[in-house]
Amino acid sequence: EQYLFYKSSTKIQAKWRGFLAQEQYLLYKSATKIQARWRGFVAHEQYLFYKSSTKIQAKWRGFLAQEQYLLYKSATKIQARWRSFVAREKYLFYNSA
């Protein structure tokens, strides 16, 4: 009779320990999933920040390039007008003589 009591108490203890181990495992698994989701969220936020900052940089570089182009275009127009003026003056000088 004592042997049956010992055997049944051992089985109860084993079942209880198994239940506790399973609970700990499920808790660990849930925590791991939460951590993975959080890391994914943080990585996605960092990616969005990187993407928006590169867009801002590209817009700024485009703006600077456009400004430089407009300055270049203005300078070439001034140079062309000056050459035209000088050529006209030479033409009028030589034709008047």
C-alpha atoms as a PDB file:
ATOM      1  CA  GLU A   1       0.000   0.000   0.000  1.00  0.00           C
ATOM      2  CA  GLN A   2       2.829   2.355   0.768  1.00  0.00           C
ATOM      3  CA  TYR A   3       4.372   1.528  -2.589  1.00  0.00           C
ATOM      4  CA  LEU A   4       1.154   2.523  -4.393  1.00  0.00           C
ATOM      5  CA  PHE A   5       1.032   5.764  -2.420  1.00  0.00           C
ATOM      6  CA  TYR A   6       4.658   6.479  -3.331  1.00  0.00           C
ATOM      7  CA  LYS A   7       4.091   5.626  -6.987  1.00  0.00           C
ATOM      8  CA  SER A   8       0.946   7.755  -7.287  1.00  0.00           C
ATOM      9  CA  SER A   9       2.545  10.717  -5.501  1.00  0.00           C
ATOM     10  CA  THR A  10       5.535  10.459  -7.836  1.00  0.00           C
ATOM     11  CA  LYS A  11       3.211  10.526 -10.839  1.00  0.00           C
ATOM     12  CA  ILE A  12       1.360  13.542  -9.461  1.00  0.00           C
ATOM     13  CA  GLN A  13       4.648  15.337  -8.878  1.00  0.00           C
ATOM     14  CA  ALA A  14       5.843  14.493 -12.374  1.00  0.00           C
ATOM     15  CA  LYS A  15       2.611  15.756 -13.915  1.00  0.00           C
ATOM     16  CA  TRP A  16       2.833  18.949 -11.860  1.00  0.00           C
ATOM     17  CA  ARG A  17       6.449  19.538 -12.843  1.00  0.00           C
ATOM     18  CA  GLY A  18       5.546  18.905 -16.484  1.00  0.00           C
ATOM     19  CA  PHE A  19       2.700  21.389 -16.222  1.00  0.00           C
ATOM     20  CA  LEU A  20       5.019  24.002 -14.673  1.00  0.00           C
ATOM     21  CA  ALA A  21       7.667  23.366 -17.315  1.00  0.00           C
ATOM     22  CA  GLN A  22       5.090  23.724 -20.066  1.00  0.00           C
ATOM     23  CA  GLU A  23       3.855  26.991 -18.546  1.00  0.00           C
ATOM     24  CA  GLN A  24       7.413  28.320 -18.379  1.00  0.00           C
ATOM     25  CA  TYR A  25       8.043  27.271 -21.968  1.00  0.00           C
ATOM     26  CA  LEU A  26       4.856  28.962 -23.187  1.00  0.00           C
ATOM     27  CA  LEU A  27       5.787  32.100 -21.262  1.00  0.00           C
ATOM     28  CA  TYR A  28       9.282  32.028 -22.792  1.00  0.00           C
ATOM     29  CA  LYS A  29       7.842  31.471 -26.264  1.00  0.00           C
ATOM     30  CA  SER A  30       5.412  34.376 -25.827  1.00  0.00           C
ATOM     31  CA  ALA A  31       8.162  36.663 -24.569  1.00  0.00           C
ATOM     32  CA  THR A  32      10.335  35.713 -27.540  1.00  0.00           C
ATOM     33  CA  LYS A  33       7.511  36.521 -29.954  1.00  0.00           C
ATOM     34  CA  ILE A  34       6.900  39.873 -28.275  1.00  0.00           C
ATOM     35  CA  GLN A  35      10.607  40.714 -28.453  1.00  0.00           C
ATOM     36  CA  ALA A  36      10.779  39.733 -32.120  1.00  0.00           C
ATOM     37  CA  ARG A  37       7.738  41.857 -32.956  1.00  0.00           C
ATOM     38  CA  TRP A  38       9.205  44.793 -31.046  1.00  0.00           C
ATOM     39  CA  ARG A  39      12.556  44.465 -32.818  1.00  0.00           C
ATOM     40  CA  GLY A  40      10.742  44.297 -36.144  1.00  0.00           C
ATOM     41  CA  PHE A  41       8.752  47.409 -35.275  1.00  0.00           C
ATOM     42  CA  VAL A  42      11.892  49.312 -34.246  1.00  0.00           C
ATOM     43  CA  ALA A  43      13.719  48.196 -37.407  1.00  0.00           C
ATOM     44  CA  HIS A  44      10.767  49.319 -39.532  1.00  0.00           C
ATOM     45  CA  GLU A  45      10.690  52.711 -37.812  1.00  0.00           C
ATOM     46  CA  GLN A  46      14.431  53.119 -38.400  1.00  0.00           C
ATOM     47  CA  TYR A  47      13.948  52.196 -42.057  1.00  0.00           C
ATOM     48  CA  LEU A  48      11.158  54.759 -42.454  1.00  0.00           C
ATOM     49  CA  PHE A  49      13.346  57.421 -40.827  1.00  0.00           C
ATOM     50  CA  TYR A  50      16.239  56.512 -43.128  1.00  0.00           C
ATOM     51  CA  LYS A  51      13.973  56.547 -46.163  1.00  0.00           C
ATOM     52  CA  SER A  52      12.501  59.946 -45.312  1.00  0.00           C
ATOM     53  CA  SER A  53      15.911  61.429 -44.543  1.00  0.00           C
ATOM     54  CA  THR A  54      17.283  60.231 -47.891  1.00  0.00           C
ATOM     55  CA  LYS A  55      14.266  61.763 -49.630  1.00  0.00           C
ATOM     56  CA  ILE A  56      14.935  65.072 -47.886  1.00  0.00           C
ATOM     57  CA  GLN A  57      18.600  64.885 -48.860  1.00  0.00           C
ATOM     58  CA  ALA A  58      17.696  64.138 -52.474  1.00  0.00           C
ATOM     59  CA  LYS A  59      15.262  67.058 -52.611  1.00  0.00           C
ATOM     60  CA  TRP A  60      17.889  69.367 -51.119  1.00  0.00           C
ATOM     61  CA  ARG A  61      20.554  68.211 -53.579  1.00  0.00           C
ATOM     62  CA  GLY A  62      18.098  68.686 -56.440  1.00  0.00           C
ATOM     63  CA  PHE A  63      17.336  72.193 -55.214  1.00  0.00           C
ATOM     64  CA  LEU A  64      21.058  73.040 -55.008  1.00  0.00           C
ATOM     65  CA  ALA A  65      21.693  71.584 -58.460  1.00  0.00           C
ATOM     66  CA  GLN A  66      18.826  73.624 -59.889  1.00  0.00           C
ATOM     67  CA  GLU A  67      20.178  76.775 -58.248  1.00  0.00           C
ATOM     68  CA  GLN A  68      23.627  76.115 -59.703  1.00  0.00           C
ATOM     69  CA  TYR A  69      22.111  75.484 -63.123  1.00  0.00           C
ATOM     70  CA  LEU A  70      20.158  78.733 -62.988  1.00  0.00           C
ATOM     71  CA  LEU A  71      23.311  80.625 -62.011  1.00  0.00           C
ATOM     72  CA  TYR A  72      25.200  78.976 -64.872  1.00  0.00           C
ATOM     73  CA  LYS A  73      22.383  79.758 -67.282  1.00  0.00           C
ATOM     74  CA  SER A  74      22.300  83.389 -66.128  1.00  0.00           C
ATOM     75  CA  ALA A  75      26.068  83.694 -66.492  1.00  0.00           C
ATOM     76  CA  THR A  76      25.999  82.298 -70.026  1.00  0.00           C
ATOM     77  CA  LYS A  77      23.197  84.710 -70.951  1.00  0.00           C
ATOM     78  CA  ILE A  78      25.242  87.627 -69.618  1.00  0.00           C
ATOM     79  CA  GLN A  79      28.299  86.420 -71.509  1.00  0.00           C
ATOM     80  CA  ALA A  80      26.300  86.027 -74.727  1.00  0.00           C
ATOM     81  CA  ARG A  81      24.819  89.500 -74.379  1.00  0.00           C
ATOM     82  CA  TRP A  82      28.257  90.962 -73.722  1.00  0.00           C
ATOM     83  CA  ARG A  83      29.771  89.204 -76.752  1.00  0.00           C
ATOM     84  CA  SER A  84      26.852  90.385 -78.841  1.00  0.00           C
ATOM     85  CA  PHE A  85      27.366  93.926 -77.629  1.00  0.00           C
ATOM     86  CA  VAL A  86      31.114  93.824 -78.351  1.00  0.00           C
ATOM     87  CA  ALA A  87      30.557  92.285 -81.782  1.00  0.00           C
ATOM     88  CA  ARG A  88      27.932  94.930 -82.626  1.00  0.00           C
ATOM     89  CA  GLU A  89      30.242  97.691 -81.484  1.00  0.00           C
ATOM     90  CA  LYS A  90      33.100  96.328 -83.642  1.00  0.00           C
ATOM     91  CA  TYR A  91      30.758  95.982 -86.586  1.00  0.00           C
ATOM     92  CA  LEU A  92      29.488  99.541 -86.248  1.00  0.00           C
ATOM     93  CA  PHE A  93      33.023 100.845 -85.752  1.00  0.00           C
ATOM     94  CA  TYR A  94      34.375  99.140 -88.883  1.00  0.00           C
ATOM     95  CA  ASN A  95      31.333  99.961 -91.016  1.00  0.00           C
ATOM     96  CA  SER A  96      31.339 103.621 -90.043  1.00  0.00           C
ATOM     97  CA  ALA A  97      34.856 104.193 -91.278  1.00  0.00           C
END
